[in-house]
Amino acid sequence: MEPSSPTRGYAASKDDLMARLARAEGQVRGVARMVEEDRYCMDVLTQIAAARAALDRVALGVLDEHVRHCVVGGHGPGTEEERIDELMAAVGRLAGRRA
């Protein structure tokens, strides 16, 4: 019998997250195409910012579900204190700071 994998916090919104990731992937491909075509620097930077924003929205969605399911719901590994420490480290990484 194959062991079942744990249910992740984002399982309920997985289809939405996958759609958002596909859009972000398309934006990154668009940036590569723009560079290949020698497009204007500011246009490339604008598209990079849009791609980053798209990934940030995915990250916030995953983080929201993680807090609700894994931290508050107690479905994550470790003690409550360890789950909170892990959460704060993840928030620090997302905010661009080392935790």
PDB file of N, CA and C in Angstrom:
ATOM      1  N   MET A   1       0.842  -1.179   0.000  1.00  0.00           N
ATOM      2  CA  MET A   1       0.000   0.000   0.000  1.00  0.00           C
ATOM      3  C   MET A   1       0.890   1.245   0.000  1.00  0.00           C
ATOM      4  N   GLU A   2       0.611   2.168  -0.856  1.00  0.00           N
ATOM      5  CA  GLU A   2       1.396   3.399  -0.971  1.00  0.00           C
ATOM      6  C   GLU A   2       0.952   4.386   0.095  1.00  0.00           C
ATOM      7  N   PRO A   3       1.910   4.973   0.847  1.00  0.00           N
ATOM      8  CA  PRO A   3       1.509   5.934   1.880  1.00  0.00           C
ATOM      9  C   PRO A   3       0.901   7.174   1.221  1.00  0.00           C
ATOM     10  N   SER A   4      -0.172   7.675   1.833  1.00  0.00           N
ATOM     11  CA  SER A   4      -0.812   8.868   1.269  1.00  0.00           C
ATOM     12  C   SER A   4      -0.027  10.109   1.683  1.00  0.00           C
ATOM     13  N   SER A   5      -0.002  11.085   0.787  1.00  0.00           N
ATOM     14  CA  SER A   5       0.692  12.317   1.110  1.00  0.00           C
ATOM     15  C   SER A   5      -0.246  13.198   1.916  1.00  0.00           C
ATOM     16  N   PRO A   6       0.299  14.039   2.780  1.00  0.00           N
ATOM     17  CA  PRO A   6      -0.553  14.894   3.601  1.00  0.00           C
ATOM     18  C   PRO A   6      -1.290  15.913   2.737  1.00  0.00           C
ATOM     19  N   THR A   7      -2.458  16.318   3.197  1.00  0.00           N
ATOM     20  CA  THR A   7      -3.204  17.358   2.505  1.00  0.00           C
ATOM     21  C   THR A   7      -2.532  18.689   2.797  1.00  0.00           C
ATOM     22  N   ARG A   8      -2.221  19.402   1.753  1.00  0.00           N
ATOM     23  CA  ARG A   8      -1.578  20.713   1.898  1.00  0.00           C
ATOM     24  C   ARG A   8      -2.634  21.785   2.064  1.00  0.00           C
ATOM     25  N   GLY A   9      -2.257  22.880   2.699  1.00  0.00           N
ATOM     26  CA  GLY A   9      -3.188  23.970   2.950  1.00  0.00           C
ATOM     27  C   GLY A   9      -3.762  24.566   1.685  1.00  0.00           C
ATOM     28  N   TYR A  10      -3.000  24.539   0.611  1.00  0.00           N
ATOM     29  CA  TYR A  10      -3.453  25.161  -0.635  1.00  0.00           C
ATOM     30  C   TYR A  10      -4.254  24.204  -1.520  1.00  0.00           C
ATOM     31  N   ALA A  11      -4.542  23.009  -1.037  1.00  0.00           N
ATOM     32  CA  ALA A  11      -5.224  22.002  -1.858  1.00  0.00           C
ATOM     33  C   ALA A  11      -6.548  22.513  -2.419  1.00  0.00           C
ATOM     34  N   ALA A  12      -7.314  23.262  -1.623  1.00  0.00           N
ATOM     35  CA  ALA A  12      -8.626  23.736  -2.075  1.00  0.00           C
ATOM     36  C   ALA A  12      -8.501  24.775  -3.182  1.00  0.00           C
ATOM     37  N   SER A  13      -7.383  25.492  -3.227  1.00  0.00           N
ATOM     38  CA  SER A  13      -7.216  26.541  -4.237  1.00  0.00           C
ATOM     39  C   SER A  13      -6.147  26.171  -5.267  1.00  0.00           C
ATOM     40  N   LYS A  14      -5.827  24.894  -5.356  1.00  0.00           N
ATOM     41  CA  LYS A  14      -4.747  24.442  -6.236  1.00  0.00           C
ATOM     42  C   LYS A  14      -4.983  24.825  -7.695  1.00  0.00           C
ATOM     43  N   ASP A  15      -6.205  24.672  -8.190  1.00  0.00           N
ATOM     44  CA  ASP A  15      -6.486  25.018  -9.589  1.00  0.00           C
ATOM     45  C   ASP A  15      -6.234  26.497  -9.847  1.00  0.00           C
ATOM     46  N   ASP A  16      -6.667  27.347  -8.924  1.00  0.00           N
ATOM     47  CA  ASP A  16      -6.435  28.789  -9.063  1.00  0.00           C
ATOM     48  C   ASP A  16      -4.939  29.103  -9.018  1.00  0.00           C
ATOM     49  N   LEU A  17      -4.227  28.468  -8.094  1.00  0.00           N
ATOM     50  CA  LEU A  17      -2.783  28.692  -8.000  1.00  0.00           C
ATOM     51  C   LEU A  17      -2.074  28.242  -9.272  1.00  0.00           C
ATOM     52  N   MET A  18      -2.482  27.106  -9.817  1.00  0.00           N
ATOM     53  CA  MET A  18      -1.865  26.615 -11.048  1.00  0.00           C
ATOM     54  C   MET A  18      -2.131  27.566 -12.215  1.00  0.00           C
ATOM     55  N   ALA A  19      -3.323  28.129 -12.273  1.00  0.00           N
ATOM     56  CA  ALA A  19      -3.641  29.094 -13.329  1.00  0.00           C
ATOM     57  C   ALA A  19      -2.792  30.353 -13.175  1.00  0.00           C
ATOM     58  N   ARG A  20      -2.637  30.810 -11.955  1.00  0.00           N
ATOM     59  CA  ARG A  20      -1.801  31.996 -11.706  1.00  0.00           C
ATOM     60  C   ARG A  20      -0.341  31.721 -12.073  1.00  0.00           C
ATOM     61  N   LEU A  21       0.137  30.524 -11.725  1.00  0.00           N
ATOM     62  CA  LEU A  21       1.510  30.155 -12.072  1.00  0.00           C
ATOM     63  C   LEU A  21       1.702  30.087 -13.581  1.00  0.00           C
ATOM     64  N   ALA A  22       0.716  29.575 -14.283  1.00  0.00           N
ATOM     65  CA  ALA A  22       0.810  29.509 -15.744  1.00  0.00           C
ATOM     66  C   ALA A  22       0.888  30.921 -16.335  1.00  0.00           C
ATOM     67  N   ARG A  23       0.103  31.847 -15.787  1.00  0.00           N
ATOM     68  CA  ARG A  23       0.170  33.233 -16.268  1.00  0.00           C
ATOM     69  C   ARG A  23       1.538  33.840 -15.979  1.00  0.00           C
ATOM     70  N   ALA A  24       2.067  33.602 -14.781  1.00  0.00           N
ATOM     71  CA  ALA A  24       3.379  34.126 -14.433  1.00  0.00           C
ATOM     72  C   ALA A  24       4.453  33.533 -15.338  1.00  0.00           C
ATOM     73  N   GLU A  25       4.334  32.247 -15.627  1.00  0.00           N
ATOM     74  CA  GLU A  25       5.272  31.589 -16.535  1.00  0.00           C
ATOM     75  C   GLU A  25       5.220  32.243 -17.915  1.00  0.00           C
ATOM     76  N   GLY A  26       4.029  32.540 -18.382  1.00  0.00           N
ATOM     77  CA  GLY A  26       3.876  33.215 -19.665  1.00  0.00           C
ATOM     78  C   GLY A  26       4.509  34.597 -19.656  1.00  0.00           C
ATOM     79  N   GLN A  27       4.373  35.297 -18.533  1.00  0.00           N
ATOM     80  CA  GLN A  27       4.991  36.617 -18.424  1.00  0.00           C
ATOM     81  C   GLN A  27       6.516  36.512 -18.476  1.00  0.00           C
ATOM     82  N   VAL A  28       7.069  35.519 -17.810  1.00  0.00           N
ATOM     83  CA  VAL A  28       8.524  35.344 -17.828  1.00  0.00           C
ATOM     84  C   VAL A  28       9.003  34.999 -19.234  1.00  0.00           C
ATOM     85  N   ARG A  29       8.263  34.148 -19.914  1.00  0.00           N
ATOM     86  CA  ARG A  29       8.614  33.850 -21.312  1.00  0.00           C
ATOM     87  C   ARG A  29       8.543  35.115 -22.163  1.00  0.00           C
ATOM     88  N   GLY A  30       7.552  35.958 -21.879  1.00  0.00           N
ATOM     89  CA  GLY A  30       7.430  37.220 -22.597  1.00  0.00           C
ATOM     90  C   GLY A  30       8.628  38.123 -22.366  1.00  0.00           C
ATOM     91  N   VAL A  31       9.138  38.142 -21.146  1.00  0.00           N
ATOM     92  CA  VAL A  31      10.330  38.932 -20.842  1.00  0.00           C
ATOM     93  C   VAL A  31      11.515  38.410 -21.651  1.00  0.00           C
ATOM     94  N   ALA A  32      11.675  37.098 -21.682  1.00  0.00           N
ATOM     95  CA  ALA A  32      12.778  36.507 -22.454  1.00  0.00           C
ATOM     96  C   ALA A  32      12.661  36.881 -23.928  1.00  0.00           C
ATOM     97  N   ARG A  33      11.443  36.832 -24.443  1.00  0.00           N
ATOM     98  CA  ARG A  33      11.216  37.188 -25.846  1.00  0.00           C
ATOM     99  C   ARG A  33      11.557  38.663 -26.090  1.00  0.00           C
ATOM    100  N   MET A  34      11.192  39.516 -25.139  1.00  0.00           N
ATOM    101  CA  MET A  34      11.486  40.945 -25.263  1.00  0.00           C
ATOM    102  C   MET A  34      12.991  41.191 -25.307  1.00  0.00           C
ATOM    103  N   VAL A  35      13.731  40.480 -24.451  1.00  0.00           N
ATOM    104  CA  VAL A  35      15.194  40.632 -24.443  1.00  0.00           C
ATOM    105  C   VAL A  35      15.762  40.131 -25.762  1.00  0.00           C
ATOM    106  N   GLU A  36      15.271  38.978 -26.211  1.00  0.00           N
ATOM    107  CA  GLU A  36      15.723  38.425 -27.488  1.00  0.00           C
ATOM    108  C   GLU A  36      15.480  39.409 -28.632  1.00  0.00           C
ATOM    109  N   GLU A  37      14.366  40.135 -28.563  1.00  0.00           N
ATOM    110  CA  GLU A  37      14.003  41.091 -29.619  1.00  0.00           C
ATOM    111  C   GLU A  37      14.603  42.487 -29.411  1.00  0.00           C
ATOM    112  N   ASP A  38      15.469  42.622 -28.399  1.00  0.00           N
ATOM    113  CA  ASP A  38      16.116  43.908 -28.099  1.00  0.00           C
ATOM    114  C   ASP A  38      15.107  45.028 -27.854  1.00  0.00           C
ATOM    115  N   ARG A  39      14.090  44.743 -27.063  1.00  0.00           N
ATOM    116  CA  ARG A  39      13.068  45.734 -26.749  1.00  0.00           C
ATOM    117  C   ARG A  39      13.617  46.776 -25.788  1.00  0.00           C
ATOM    118  N   TYR A  40      12.935  47.881 -25.709  1.00  0.00           N
ATOM    119  CA  TYR A  40      13.323  49.018 -24.876  1.00  0.00           C
ATOM    120  C   TYR A  40      13.445  48.587 -23.409  1.00  0.00           C
ATOM    121  N   CYS A  41      14.498  49.047 -22.751  1.00  0.00           N
ATOM    122  CA  CYS A  41      14.820  48.636 -21.377  1.00  0.00           C
ATOM    123  C   CYS A  41      13.652  48.828 -20.413  1.00  0.00           C
ATOM    124  N   MET A  42      13.003  49.969 -20.475  1.00  0.00           N
ATOM    125  CA  MET A  42      11.919  50.251 -19.535  1.00  0.00           C
ATOM    126  C   MET A  42      10.734  49.314 -19.757  1.00  0.00           C
ATOM    127  N   ASP A  43      10.499  48.925 -20.994  1.00  0.00           N
ATOM    128  CA  ASP A  43       9.428  47.967 -21.272  1.00  0.00           C
ATOM    129  C   ASP A  43       9.750  46.608 -20.651  1.00  0.00           C
ATOM    130  N   VAL A  44      11.008  46.199 -20.755  1.00  0.00           N
ATOM    131  CA  VAL A  44      11.439  44.925 -20.161  1.00  0.00           C
ATOM    132  C   VAL A  44      11.297  44.994 -18.640  1.00  0.00           C
ATOM    133  N   LEU A  45      11.742  46.093 -18.048  1.00  0.00           N
ATOM    134  CA  LEU A  45      11.642  46.240 -16.590  1.00  0.00           C
ATOM    135  C   LEU A  45      10.193  46.249 -16.125  1.00  0.00           C
ATOM    136  N   THR A  46       9.320  46.857 -16.895  1.00  0.00           N
ATOM    137  CA  THR A  46       7.899  46.863 -16.547  1.00  0.00           C
ATOM    138  C   THR A  46       7.341  45.446 -16.541  1.00  0.00           C
ATOM    139  N   GLN A  47       7.731  44.646 -17.530  1.00  0.00           N
ATOM    140  CA  GLN A  47       7.256  43.265 -17.586  1.00  0.00           C
ATOM    141  C   GLN A  47       7.857  42.413 -16.473  1.00  0.00           C
ATOM    142  N   ILE A  48       9.097  42.681 -16.106  1.00  0.00           N
ATOM    143  CA  ILE A  48       9.705  41.961 -14.976  1.00  0.00           C
ATOM    144  C   ILE A  48       8.932  42.270 -13.697  1.00  0.00           C
ATOM    145  N   ALA A  49       8.591  43.537 -13.502  1.00  0.00           N
ATOM    146  CA  ALA A  49       7.810  43.921 -12.315  1.00  0.00           C
ATOM    147  C   ALA A  49       6.458  43.220 -12.309  1.00  0.00           C
ATOM    148  N   ALA A  50       5.823  43.102 -13.466  1.00  0.00           N
ATOM    149  CA  ALA A  50       4.529  42.421 -13.554  1.00  0.00           C
ATOM    150  C   ALA A  50       4.672  40.938 -13.219  1.00  0.00           C
ATOM    151  N   ALA A  51       5.727  40.307 -13.694  1.00  0.00           N
ATOM    152  CA  ALA A  51       5.959  38.892 -13.401  1.00  0.00           C
ATOM    153  C   ALA A  51       6.209  38.681 -11.908  1.00  0.00           C
ATOM    154  N   ARG A  52       6.987  39.563 -11.323  1.00  0.00           N
ATOM    155  CA  ARG A  52       7.245  39.457  -9.881  1.00  0.00           C
ATOM    156  C   ARG A  52       5.958  39.631  -9.087  1.00  0.00           C
ATOM    157  N   ALA A  53       5.125  40.586  -9.501  1.00  0.00           N
ATOM    158  CA  ALA A  53       3.851  40.813  -8.813  1.00  0.00           C
ATOM    159  C   ALA A  53       2.962  39.573  -8.919  1.00  0.00           C
ATOM    160  N   ALA A  54       2.972  38.928 -10.076  1.00  0.00           N
ATOM    161  CA  ALA A  54       2.171  37.713 -10.263  1.00  0.00           C
ATOM    162  C   ALA A  54       2.654  36.612  -9.315  1.00  0.00           C
ATOM    163  N   LEU A  55       3.957  36.439  -9.206  1.00  0.00           N
ATOM    164  CA  LEU A  55       4.494  35.434  -8.288  1.00  0.00           C
ATOM    165  C   LEU A  55       4.210  35.806  -6.833  1.00  0.00           C
ATOM    166  N   ASP A  56       4.262  37.089  -6.521  1.00  0.00           N
ATOM    167  CA  ASP A  56       3.935  37.526  -5.162  1.00  0.00           C
ATOM    168  C   ASP A  56       2.495  37.168  -4.806  1.00  0.00           C
ATOM    169  N   ARG A  57       1.578  37.322  -5.768  1.00  0.00           N
ATOM    170  CA  ARG A  57       0.184  36.963  -5.511  1.00  0.00           C
ATOM    171  C   ARG A  57       0.045  35.459  -5.256  1.00  0.00           C
ATOM    172  N   VAL A  58       0.793  34.657  -5.991  1.00  0.00           N
ATOM    173  CA  VAL A  58       0.780  33.212  -5.748  1.00  0.00           C
ATOM    174  C   VAL A  58       1.328  32.925  -4.355  1.00  0.00           C
ATOM    175  N   ALA A  59       2.441  33.548  -4.023  1.00  0.00           N
ATOM    176  CA  ALA A  59       3.060  33.321  -2.714  1.00  0.00           C
ATOM    177  C   ALA A  59       2.118  33.715  -1.580  1.00  0.00           C
ATOM    178  N   LEU A  60       1.440  34.846  -1.720  1.00  0.00           N
ATOM    179  CA  LEU A  60       0.514  35.265  -0.674  1.00  0.00           C
ATOM    180  C   LEU A  60      -0.663  34.310  -0.547  1.00  0.00           C
ATOM    181  N   GLY A  61      -1.118  33.759  -1.660  1.00  0.00           N
ATOM    182  CA  GLY A  61      -2.185  32.770  -1.609  1.00  0.00           C
ATOM    183  C   GLY A  61      -1.749  31.510  -0.877  1.00  0.00           C
ATOM    184  N   VAL A  62      -0.555  31.034  -1.181  1.00  0.00           N
ATOM    185  CA  VAL A  62      -0.025  29.849  -0.500  1.00  0.00           C
ATOM    186  C   VAL A  62       0.184  30.157   0.982  1.00  0.00           C
ATOM    187  N   LEU A  63       0.719  31.335   1.273  1.00  0.00           N
ATOM    188  CA  LEU A  63       0.955  31.719   2.662  1.00  0.00           C
ATOM    189  C   LEU A  63      -0.349  31.797   3.443  1.00  0.00           C
ATOM    190  N   ASP A  64      -1.382  32.379   2.839  1.00  0.00           N
ATOM    191  CA  ASP A  64      -2.682  32.482   3.489  1.00  0.00           C
ATOM    192  C   ASP A  64      -3.213  31.100   3.852  1.00  0.00           C
ATOM    193  N   GLU A  65      -3.159  30.192   2.894  1.00  0.00           N
ATOM    194  CA  GLU A  65      -3.647  28.839   3.153  1.00  0.00           C
ATOM    195  C   GLU A  65      -2.773  28.113   4.171  1.00  0.00           C
ATOM    196  N   HIS A  66      -1.467  28.377   4.142  1.00  0.00           N
ATOM    197  CA  HIS A  66      -0.562  27.760   5.115  1.00  0.00           C
ATOM    198  C   HIS A  66      -0.932  28.198   6.530  1.00  0.00           C
ATOM    199  N   VAL A  67      -1.166  29.483   6.699  1.00  0.00           N
ATOM    200  CA  VAL A  67      -1.523  29.992   8.027  1.00  0.00           C
ATOM    201  C   VAL A  67      -2.819  29.348   8.506  1.00  0.00           C
ATOM    202  N   ARG A  68      -3.813  29.328   7.632  1.00  0.00           N
ATOM    203  CA  ARG A  68      -5.123  28.805   8.029  1.00  0.00           C
ATOM    204  C   ARG A  68      -5.098  27.292   8.303  1.00  0.00           C
ATOM    205  N   HIS A  69      -4.434  26.544   7.443  1.00  0.00           N
ATOM    206  CA  HIS A  69      -4.481  25.080   7.535  1.00  0.00           C
ATOM    207  C   HIS A  69      -3.374  24.523   8.419  1.00  0.00           C
ATOM    208  N   CYS A  70      -2.154  24.928   8.146  1.00  0.00           N
ATOM    209  CA  CYS A  70      -1.006  24.299   8.801  1.00  0.00           C
ATOM    210  C   CYS A  70      -0.676  24.899  10.162  1.00  0.00           C
ATOM    211  N   VAL A  71      -0.729  26.233  10.257  1.00  0.00           N
ATOM    212  CA  VAL A  71      -0.348  26.877  11.515  1.00  0.00           C
ATOM    213  C   VAL A  71      -1.517  26.871  12.487  1.00  0.00           C
ATOM    214  N   VAL A  72      -2.613  27.554  12.120  1.00  0.00           N
ATOM    215  CA  VAL A  72      -3.764  27.662  13.015  1.00  0.00           C
ATOM    216  C   VAL A  72      -4.485  26.318  13.141  1.00  0.00           C
ATOM    217  N   GLY A  73      -4.650  25.639  12.024  1.00  0.00           N
ATOM    218  CA  GLY A  73      -5.351  24.355  12.042  1.00  0.00           C
ATOM    219  C   GLY A  73      -4.551  23.232  12.668  1.00  0.00           C
ATOM    220  N   GLY A  74      -3.260  23.457  12.870  1.00  0.00           N
ATOM    221  CA  GLY A  74      -2.422  22.456  13.519  1.00  0.00           C
ATOM    222  C   GLY A  74      -2.049  21.278  12.644  1.00  0.00           C
ATOM    223  N   HIS A  75      -2.156  21.436  11.311  1.00  0.00           N
ATOM    224  CA  HIS A  75      -1.854  20.323  10.414  1.00  0.00           C
ATOM    225  C   HIS A  75      -0.390  20.306   9.965  1.00  0.00           C
ATOM    226  N   GLY A  76       0.377  21.306  10.343  1.00  0.00           N
ATOM    227  CA  GLY A  76       1.787  21.343   9.978  1.00  0.00           C
ATOM    228  C   GLY A  76       2.614  20.555  10.974  1.00  0.00           C
ATOM    229  N   PRO A  77       3.858  20.251  10.583  1.00  0.00           N
ATOM    230  CA  PRO A  77       4.712  19.482  11.494  1.00  0.00           C
ATOM    231  C   PRO A  77       5.186  20.329  12.670  1.00  0.00           C
ATOM    232  N   GLY A  78       5.509  19.686  13.749  1.00  0.00           N
ATOM    233  CA  GLY A  78       6.105  20.354  14.895  1.00  0.00           C
ATOM    234  C   GLY A  78       5.074  20.928  15.851  1.00  0.00           C
ATOM    235  N   THR A  79       5.617  21.582  16.860  1.00  0.00           N
ATOM    236  CA  THR A  79       4.762  22.210  17.863  1.00  0.00           C
ATOM    237  C   THR A  79       4.218  23.520  17.314  1.00  0.00           C
ATOM    238  N   GLU A  80       3.262  24.090  18.028  1.00  0.00           N
ATOM    239  CA  GLU A  80       2.698  25.378  17.617  1.00  0.00           C
ATOM    240  C   GLU A  80       3.808  26.435  17.527  1.00  0.00           C
ATOM    241  N   GLU A  81       4.696  26.454  18.493  1.00  0.00           N
ATOM    242  CA  GLU A  81       5.802  27.431  18.496  1.00  0.00           C
ATOM    243  C   GLU A  81       6.708  27.234  17.281  1.00  0.00           C
ATOM    244  N   GLU A  82       7.004  25.989  16.943  1.00  0.00           N
ATOM    245  CA  GLU A  82       7.835  25.702  15.769  1.00  0.00           C
ATOM    246  C   GLU A  82       7.122  26.118  14.476  1.00  0.00           C
ATOM    247  N   ARG A  83       5.810  25.898  14.413  1.00  0.00           N
ATOM    248  CA  ARG A  83       5.056  26.315  13.222  1.00  0.00           C
ATOM    249  C   ARG A  83       5.054  27.825  13.080  1.00  0.00           C
ATOM    250  N   ILE A  84       4.940  28.541  14.197  1.00  0.00           N
ATOM    251  CA  ILE A  84       4.978  30.005  14.160  1.00  0.00           C
ATOM    252  C   ILE A  84       6.360  30.485  13.731  1.00  0.00           C
ATOM    253  N   ASP A  85       7.413  29.888  14.264  1.00  0.00           N
ATOM    254  CA  ASP A  85       8.778  30.259  13.863  1.00  0.00           C
ATOM    255  C   ASP A  85       8.985  30.025  12.370  1.00  0.00           C
ATOM    256  N   GLU A  86       8.499  28.891  11.873  1.00  0.00           N
ATOM    257  CA  GLU A  86       8.614  28.584  10.450  1.00  0.00           C
ATOM    258  C   GLU A  86       7.855  29.612   9.615  1.00  0.00           C
ATOM    259  N   LEU A  87       6.667  29.972  10.075  1.00  0.00           N
ATOM    260  CA  LEU A  87       5.857  30.982   9.385  1.00  0.00           C
ATOM    261  C   LEU A  87       6.589  32.317   9.315  1.00  0.00           C
ATOM    262  N   MET A  88       7.129  32.753  10.417  1.00  0.00           N
ATOM    263  CA  MET A  88       7.810  34.053  10.437  1.00  0.00           C
ATOM    264  C   MET A  88       9.059  34.040   9.568  1.00  0.00           C
ATOM    265  N   ALA A  89       9.752  32.909   9.497  1.00  0.00           N
ATOM    266  CA  ALA A  89      10.907  32.791   8.604  1.00  0.00           C
ATOM    267  C   ALA A  89      10.457  32.906   7.150  1.00  0.00           C
ATOM    268  N   ALA A  90       9.334  32.275   6.831  1.00  0.00           N
ATOM    269  CA  ALA A  90       8.809  32.359   5.458  1.00  0.00           C
ATOM    270  C   ALA A  90       8.391  33.787   5.122  1.00  0.00           C
ATOM    271  N   VAL A  91       7.733  34.466   6.039  1.00  0.00           N
ATOM    272  CA  VAL A  91       7.339  35.862   5.818  1.00  0.00           C
ATOM    273  C   VAL A  91       8.581  36.710   5.601  1.00  0.00           C
ATOM    274  N   GLY A  92       9.626  36.468   6.380  1.00  0.00           N
ATOM    275  CA  GLY A  92      10.879  37.204   6.210  1.00  0.00           C
ATOM    276  C   GLY A  92      11.482  36.980   4.834  1.00  0.00           C
ATOM    277  N   ARG A  93      11.470  35.755   4.361  1.00  0.00           N
ATOM    278  CA  ARG A  93      11.992  35.460   3.024  1.00  0.00           C
ATOM    279  C   ARG A  93      11.166  36.156   1.958  1.00  0.00           C
ATOM    280  N   LEU A  94       9.850  36.115   2.091  1.00  0.00           N
ATOM    281  CA  LEU A  94       8.989  36.768   1.109  1.00  0.00           C
ATOM    282  C   LEU A  94       9.170  38.273   1.114  1.00  0.00           C
ATOM    283  N   ALA A  95       9.473  38.818   2.270  1.00  0.00           N
ATOM    284  CA  ALA A  95       9.678  40.260   2.379  1.00  0.00           C
ATOM    285  C   ALA A  95      11.096  40.664   1.965  1.00  0.00           C
ATOM    286  N   GLY A  96      11.912  39.680   1.609  1.00  0.00           N
ATOM    287  CA  GLY A  96      13.269  39.973   1.157  1.00  0.00           C
ATOM    288  C   GLY A  96      14.265  40.158   2.273  1.00  0.00           C
ATOM    289  N   ARG A  97      13.913  39.632   3.436  1.00  0.00           N
ATOM    290  CA  ARG A  97      14.815  39.731   4.584  1.00  0.00           C
ATOM    291  C   ARG A  97      15.162  38.332   5.050  1.00  0.00           C
ATOM    292  N   ARG A  98      16.342  38.184   5.520  1.00  0.00           N
ATOM    293  CA  ARG A  98      16.753  36.885   6.060  1.00  0.00           C
ATOM    294  C   ARG A  98      16.187  36.756   7.467  1.00  0.00           C
ATOM    295  N   ALA A  99      15.697  35.567   7.753  1.00  0.00           N
ATOM    296  CA  ALA A  99      15.165  35.327   9.097  1.00  0.00           C
ATOM    297  C   ALA A  99      16.038  34.356   9.843  1.00  0.00           C
TER     298      ALA A  99
END
